[in-house]
C-alpha atoms as a PDB file:
ATOM      1  CA  MET A   1      -3.371  -8.118  28.579  1.00  0.00           C
ATOM      2  CA  THR A   2      -0.422 -10.181  29.289  1.00  0.00           C
ATOM      3  CA  ALA A   3      -0.117 -12.508  32.309  1.00  0.00           C
ATOM      4  CA  GLU A   4       2.660  -9.998  33.871  1.00  0.00           C
ATOM      5  CA  ALA A   5       0.378  -7.197  33.258  1.00  0.00           C
ATOM      6  CA  GLY A   6      -2.448  -8.765  34.907  1.00  0.00           C
ATOM      7  CA  LYS A   7      -0.447  -9.805  38.159  1.00  0.00           C
ATOM      8  CA  LEU A   8       0.914  -6.143  38.054  1.00  0.00           C
ATOM      9  CA  ARG A   9      -2.512  -4.758  37.944  1.00  0.00           C
ATOM     10  CA  TRP A  10      -3.874  -7.056  40.842  1.00  0.00           C
ATOM     11  CA  ARG A  11      -0.706  -5.929  42.754  1.00  0.00           C
ATOM     12  CA  CYS A  12      -1.797  -2.057  42.254  1.00  0.00           C
ATOM     13  CA  ARG A  13      -4.914  -2.637  43.579  1.00  0.00           C
ATOM     14  CA  ARG A  14      -4.693  -1.160  47.246  1.00  0.00           C
ATOM     15  CA  GLY A  15      -6.637  -0.185  50.367  1.00  0.00           C
ATOM     16  CA  ALA A  16      -6.872   3.403  48.966  1.00  0.00           C
ATOM     17  CA  LYS A  17      -8.724   4.531  45.925  1.00  0.00           C
ATOM     18  CA  GLU A  18      -5.920   7.558  45.449  1.00  0.00           C
ATOM     19  CA  LEU A  19      -3.229   4.822  45.440  1.00  0.00           C
ATOM     20  CA  ASP A  20      -5.323   2.437  42.829  1.00  0.00           C
ATOM     21  CA  ALA A  21      -5.404   5.392  40.564  1.00  0.00           C
ATOM     22  CA  LEU A  22      -1.908   6.767  40.727  1.00  0.00           C
ATOM     23  CA  LEU A  23      -0.646   2.922  40.500  1.00  0.00           C
ATOM     24  CA  THR A  24      -2.712   1.905  37.671  1.00  0.00           C
ATOM     25  CA  GLY A  25      -2.391   4.948  35.864  1.00  0.00           C
ATOM     26  CA  TYR A  26       1.301   4.616  35.746  1.00  0.00           C
ATOM     27  CA  LEU A  27       1.012   0.849  34.613  1.00  0.00           C
ATOM     28  CA  ASP A  28      -1.564   1.820  31.882  1.00  0.00           C
ATOM     29  CA  ARG A  29       0.404   4.670  30.620  1.00  0.00           C
ATOM     30  CA  ARG A  30       3.969   4.266  31.182  1.00  0.00           C
ATOM     31  CA  TYR A  31       5.100   0.984  32.387  1.00  0.00           C
ATOM     32  CA  ALA A  32       5.162  -0.665  28.926  1.00  0.00           C
ATOM     33  CA  CYS A  33       7.806   1.977  27.451  1.00  0.00           C
ATOM     34  CA  ALA A  34       9.570   2.217  30.899  1.00  0.00           C
ATOM     35  CA  PRO A  35      13.452   0.974  31.385  1.00  0.00           C
ATOM     36  CA  PRO A  36      14.088  -2.347  32.936  1.00  0.00           C
ATOM     37  CA  THR A  37      15.538  -0.355  35.921  1.00  0.00           C
ATOM     38  CA  GLN A  38      12.074   1.534  36.192  1.00  0.00           C
ATOM     39  CA  ARG A  39      10.078  -1.633  35.724  1.00  0.00           C
ATOM     40  CA  ALA A  40      12.312  -3.351  38.484  1.00  0.00           C
ATOM     41  CA  ALA A  41      11.558  -0.216  40.862  1.00  0.00           C
ATOM     42  CA  PHE A  42       7.936  -0.291  40.154  1.00  0.00           C
ATOM     43  CA  GLU A  43       7.766  -3.940  41.462  1.00  0.00           C
ATOM     44  CA  ARG A  44       9.724  -3.032  44.479  1.00  0.00           C
ATOM     45  CA  LEU A  45       7.327  -0.208  45.041  1.00  0.00           C
ATOM     46  CA  LEU A  46       4.495  -2.609  45.024  1.00  0.00           C
ATOM     47  CA  GLU A  47       6.114  -4.362  48.085  1.00  0.00           C
ATOM     48  CA  LEU A  48       5.814  -1.597  50.194  1.00  0.00           C
ATOM     49  CA  PRO A  49       2.811  -1.412  52.694  1.00  0.00           C
ATOM     50  CA  ASP A  50       0.336   1.429  51.740  1.00  0.00           C
ATOM     51  CA  PRO A  51       0.969   3.966  54.532  1.00  0.00           C
ATOM     52  CA  ASP A  52       4.649   3.964  53.335  1.00  0.00           C
ATOM     53  CA  LEU A  53       3.766   4.044  49.513  1.00  0.00           C
ATOM     54  CA  LEU A  54       1.249   7.023  50.141  1.00  0.00           C
ATOM     55  CA  GLN A  55       3.670   9.031  51.952  1.00  0.00           C
ATOM     56  CA  LEU A  56       6.085   8.446  49.305  1.00  0.00           C
ATOM     57  CA  LEU A  57       3.443   9.558  46.371  1.00  0.00           C
ATOM     58  CA  LEU A  58       2.383  12.576  48.295  1.00  0.00           C
ATOM     59  CA  GLY A  59       5.878  13.581  48.840  1.00  0.00           C
ATOM     60  CA  THR A  60       5.792  13.545  52.572  1.00  0.00           C
ATOM     61  CA  ARG A  61       8.633  10.854  52.541  1.00  0.00           C
ATOM     62  CA  SER A  62      11.732  10.637  50.026  1.00  0.00           C
ATOM     63  CA  MET A  63      13.836   8.001  48.761  1.00  0.00           C
ATOM     64  CA  ASP A  64      17.408   8.088  48.495  1.00  0.00           C
ATOM     65  CA  ASP A  65      17.663   5.857  45.349  1.00  0.00           C
ATOM     66  CA  PRO A  66      17.491   8.302  42.108  1.00  0.00           C
ATOM     67  CA  VAL A  67      15.757   5.332  40.122  1.00  0.00           C
ATOM     68  CA  VAL A  68      12.743   4.987  42.898  1.00  0.00           C
ATOM     69  CA  ALA A  69      12.778   9.170  42.934  1.00  0.00           C
ATOM     70  CA  ASP A  70      12.682   9.153  39.366  1.00  0.00           C
ATOM     71  CA  LEU A  71       9.777   6.426  39.248  1.00  0.00           C
ATOM     72  CA  ILE A  72       7.763   8.445  41.810  1.00  0.00           C
ATOM     73  CA  GLU A  73       7.753  11.534  39.585  1.00  0.00           C
ATOM     74  CA  GLN A  74       6.561   9.272  36.502  1.00  0.00           C
ATOM     75  CA  ILE A  75       4.075   7.967  38.631  1.00  0.00           C
ATOM     76  CA  ARG A  76       2.630  11.255  39.661  1.00  0.00           C
ATOM     77  CA  HIS A  77       2.683  12.602  36.213  1.00  0.00           C
ATOM     78  CA  ALA A  78       1.196   9.509  34.434  1.00  0.00           C
ATOM     79  CA  ALA A  79      -2.253  10.811  36.340  1.00  0.00           C
ATOM     80  CA  ASP A  80      -1.821  13.849  34.124  1.00  0.00           C
ATOM     81  CA  ASP A  81      -1.575  12.173  31.070  1.00  0.00           C
END
């Protein structure tokens, strides 16, 4: 594991198990192959407070940014992989 991946994994550790599972699932399965714009969007998402992030991932809140919206779908689907 690279130092960058280790830092991202640590940032994926949240207060809710559901968030941990979704975020680390994406990190493990899709982050390495993601385009740079999506990687940057993932790092921006990790800056959000847990309640906001949970709302986005559960679909009760949406983002206008199409890159972030696509990333959220990728995170949701990574759990199915």
